[in-house]
C-alpha atoms as a PDB file:
ATOM      1  CA  MET A   1     103.972  85.769  78.135  1.00  0.00           C
ATOM      2  CA  SER A   2     102.643  88.992  79.973  1.00  0.00           C
ATOM      3  CA  PRO A   3     104.840  90.571  82.680  1.00  0.00           C
ATOM      4  CA  LEU A   4     101.983  90.601  84.895  1.00  0.00           C
ATOM      5  CA  THR A   5     101.348  86.527  85.493  1.00  0.00           C
ATOM      6  CA  PRO A   6     101.396  84.251  88.800  1.00  0.00           C
ATOM      7  CA  GLY A   7     105.071  83.557  88.984  1.00  0.00           C
ATOM      8  CA  ALA A   8     106.381  86.855  87.584  1.00  0.00           C
ATOM      9  CA  VAL A   9     109.110  88.745  89.363  1.00  0.00           C
ATOM     10  CA  LEU A  10     108.973  92.682  89.038  1.00  0.00           C
ATOM     11  CA  TRP A  11     111.105  95.599  90.601  1.00  0.00           C
ATOM     12  CA  ALA A  12     108.377  97.209  92.815  1.00  0.00           C
ATOM     13  CA  ASP A  13     108.338 100.630  94.731  1.00  0.00           C
ATOM     14  CA  LEU A  14     107.204  99.552  98.182  1.00  0.00           C
ATOM     15  CA  GLY A  15     107.231 102.937  99.331  1.00  0.00           C
ATOM     16  CA  GLN A  16     107.935 103.525 103.170  1.00  0.00           C
ATOM     17  CA  SER A  17     107.342 101.100 105.618  1.00  0.00           C
ATOM     18  CA  GLN A  18     105.928 100.927 109.067  1.00  0.00           C
ATOM     19  CA  GLY A  19     107.314  98.588 111.692  1.00  0.00           C
ATOM     20  CA  ARG A  20     108.873  95.691 110.212  1.00  0.00           C
ATOM     21  CA  GLU A  21     107.265  95.750 106.685  1.00  0.00           C
ATOM     22  CA  GLN A  22     109.543  95.980 103.650  1.00  0.00           C
ATOM     23  CA  ALA A  23     109.941  99.196 101.592  1.00  0.00           C
ATOM     24  CA  ASP A  24     111.545 100.939  99.009  1.00  0.00           C
ATOM     25  CA  VAL A  25     112.483  99.423  95.582  1.00  0.00           C
ATOM     26  CA  ARG A  26     112.600  95.800  95.671  1.00  0.00           C
ATOM     27  CA  PRO A  27     112.250  92.433  93.455  1.00  0.00           C
ATOM     28  CA  CYS A  28     108.562  91.101  94.249  1.00  0.00           C
ATOM     29  CA  LEU A  29     106.892  87.898  93.209  1.00  0.00           C
ATOM     30  CA  VAL A  30     103.511  88.240  91.889  1.00  0.00           C
ATOM     31  CA  VAL A  31     100.898  85.933  93.652  1.00  0.00           C
ATOM     32  CA  SER A  32      97.778  87.102  92.300  1.00  0.00           C
ATOM     33  CA  SER A  33      95.919  84.510  90.307  1.00  0.00           C
ATOM     34  CA  ARG A  34      95.038  85.185  86.676  1.00  0.00           C
ATOM     35  CA  ASP A  35      91.394  85.767  87.654  1.00  0.00           C
ATOM     36  CA  HIS A  36      92.615  88.477  90.152  1.00  0.00           C
ATOM     37  CA  ILE A  37      95.032  90.137  87.651  1.00  0.00           C
ATOM     38  CA  ARG A  38      92.302  90.157  84.992  1.00  0.00           C
ATOM     39  CA  GLU A  39      89.186  91.562  87.309  1.00  0.00           C
ATOM     40  CA  VAL A  40      91.122  93.461  89.786  1.00  0.00           C
ATOM     41  CA  ASP A  41      92.993  95.659  87.426  1.00  0.00           C
ATOM     42  CA  PRO A  42      94.408  98.359  89.808  1.00  0.00           C
ATOM     43  CA  LEU A  43      95.726  96.201  92.249  1.00  0.00           C
ATOM     44  CA  ILE A  44      98.573  93.202  92.431  1.00  0.00           C
ATOM     45  CA  THR A  45      99.346  91.084  95.200  1.00  0.00           C
ATOM     46  CA  VAL A  46     102.810  90.269  95.615  1.00  0.00           C
ATOM     47  CA  MET A  47     105.700  88.749  97.971  1.00  0.00           C
ATOM     48  CA  PRO A  48     108.547  90.928  98.521  1.00  0.00           C
ATOM     49  CA  CYS A  49     112.060  89.591  98.051  1.00  0.00           C
ATOM     50  CA  THR A  50     115.408  90.282 100.023  1.00  0.00           C
ATOM     51  CA  SER A  51     118.948  89.135  99.122  1.00  0.00           C
ATOM     52  CA  HIS A  52     119.394  88.824 103.051  1.00  0.00           C
ATOM     53  CA  ASP A  53     119.383  85.013 104.093  1.00  0.00           C
ATOM     54  CA  ARG A  54     118.042  85.159 107.509  1.00  0.00           C
ATOM     55  CA  GLY A  55     117.942  81.193 107.276  1.00  0.00           C
ATOM     56  CA  TRP A  56     114.368  81.192 108.004  1.00  0.00           C
ATOM     57  CA  ILE A  57     112.373  78.410 106.460  1.00  0.00           C
ATOM     58  CA  ASN A  58     109.657  80.355 104.846  1.00  0.00           C
ATOM     59  CA  HIS A  59     112.176  82.435 102.967  1.00  0.00           C
ATOM     60  CA  VAL A  60     111.897  80.586  99.659  1.00  0.00           C
ATOM     61  CA  PRO A  61     114.932  80.897  97.473  1.00  0.00           C
ATOM     62  CA  LEU A  62     113.785  82.712  94.195  1.00  0.00           C
ATOM     63  CA  ARG A  63     114.654  80.392  91.166  1.00  0.00           C
ATOM     64  CA  GLY A  64     113.844  80.663  87.692  1.00  0.00           C
ATOM     65  CA  GLU A  65     114.348  83.031  84.559  1.00  0.00           C
ATOM     66  CA  LEU A  66     115.631  85.999  86.324  1.00  0.00           C
ATOM     67  CA  ARG A  67     117.868  88.945  85.844  1.00  0.00           C
ATOM     68  CA  LEU A  68     119.177  89.154  89.465  1.00  0.00           C
ATOM     69  CA  HIS A  69     122.919  89.260  90.338  1.00  0.00           C
ATOM     70  CA  ARG A  70     122.729  87.751  93.900  1.00  0.00           C
ATOM     71  CA  PRO A  71     120.787  85.095  95.649  1.00  0.00           C
ATOM     72  CA  THR A  72     117.513  86.374  96.472  1.00  0.00           C
ATOM     73  CA  TYR A  73     114.450  85.167  98.993  1.00  0.00           C
ATOM     74  CA  ILE A  74     110.929  85.305  98.874  1.00  0.00           C
ATOM     75  CA  MET A  75     109.808  86.731 102.093  1.00  0.00           C
ATOM     76  CA  THR A  76     106.358  84.602 102.356  1.00  0.00           C
ATOM     77  CA  GLU A  77     105.221  86.251 105.585  1.00  0.00           C
ATOM     78  CA  GLN A  78     104.819  89.746 103.910  1.00  0.00           C
ATOM     79  CA  VAL A  79     102.534  89.071 100.964  1.00  0.00           C
ATOM     80  CA  ARG A  80     100.489  92.280 100.425  1.00  0.00           C
ATOM     81  CA  THR A  81      98.262  93.974  97.525  1.00  0.00           C
ATOM     82  CA  VAL A  82      99.617  97.022  96.214  1.00  0.00           C
ATOM     83  CA  SER A  83      98.660  99.581  93.324  1.00  0.00           C
ATOM     84  CA  ARG A  84     100.048  98.611  89.927  1.00  0.00           C
ATOM     85  CA  VAL A  85     101.496 101.842  89.676  1.00  0.00           C
ATOM     86  CA  ARG A  86     104.151 100.856  92.415  1.00  0.00           C
ATOM     87  CA  LEU A  87     105.614  98.071  89.555  1.00  0.00           C
ATOM     88  CA  LEU A  88     108.585  99.159  87.847  1.00  0.00           C
ATOM     89  CA  ARG A  89     109.908  96.704  85.302  1.00  0.00           C
ATOM     90  CA  PRO A  90     110.080  93.021  84.996  1.00  0.00           C
ATOM     91  CA  ILE A  91     112.967  90.759  86.124  1.00  0.00           C
ATOM     92  CA  GLY A  92     111.910  87.707  84.864  1.00  0.00           C
ATOM     93  CA  TYR A  93     109.620  84.510  86.281  1.00  0.00           C
ATOM     94  CA  ALA A  94     110.002  82.234  88.880  1.00  0.00           C
ATOM     95  CA  ASP A  95     109.795  78.436  87.974  1.00  0.00           C
ATOM     96  CA  ILE A  96     106.855  76.429  88.648  1.00  0.00           C
ATOM     97  CA  GLU A  97     108.199  74.770  91.988  1.00  0.00           C
ATOM     98  CA  CYS A  98     109.283  78.034  93.239  1.00  0.00           C
ATOM     99  CA  LEU A  99     106.095  79.458  92.654  1.00  0.00           C
ATOM    100  CA  GLN A 100     104.318  76.460  94.244  1.00  0.00           C
ATOM    101  CA  GLU A 101     106.410  76.708  97.234  1.00  0.00           C
ATOM    102  CA  ALA A 102     105.627  80.060  97.878  1.00  0.00           C
ATOM    103  CA  LEU A 103     102.236  79.802  97.343  1.00  0.00           C
ATOM    104  CA  GLU A 104     102.082  76.960  99.833  1.00  0.00           C
ATOM    105  CA  TRP A 105     103.323  79.426 102.571  1.00  0.00           C
ATOM    106  CA  LEU A 106     100.701  81.762 101.403  1.00  0.00           C
ATOM    107  CA  HIS A 107      97.863  78.906 102.023  1.00  0.00           C
ATOM    108  CA  ARG A 108      99.622  78.037 105.515  1.00  0.00           C
ATOM    109  CA  TRP A 109      99.566  81.683 106.707  1.00  0.00           C
ATOM    110  CA  THR A 110      96.127  82.308 105.435  1.00  0.00           C
ATOM    111  CA  ALA A 111      93.924  79.374 105.245  1.00  0.00           C
ATOM    112  CA  GLN A 112      94.348  77.536 108.547  1.00  0.00           C
ATOM    113  CA  ALA A 113      91.268  77.387 110.954  1.00  0.00           C
ATOM    114  CA  ALA A 114      91.610  79.074 114.414  1.00  0.00           C
END
């Protein structure tokens, strides 16, 4: 399996932040579709992750085949599209249930009518 597939988890350098954005090097979950990954090759859409458990219902525990040493949570409210040059190295893959839960939050944040 290619490291750039939906559900892949990679270390990414998100750079400096503005306001409450996540910054620096951290795990990120790939949420781009296979079509987006294929067609928009300089960019990738990710959700950054944190090891800080805020107890927020939208912070999905990251589960799957991963090389991480502590509990990690997907910050579904901070989805962003970044240059692929920000991607550093693979960590592993989220399991399908974890990816689906993150994508459900993405849909909730982006697809509701006014």
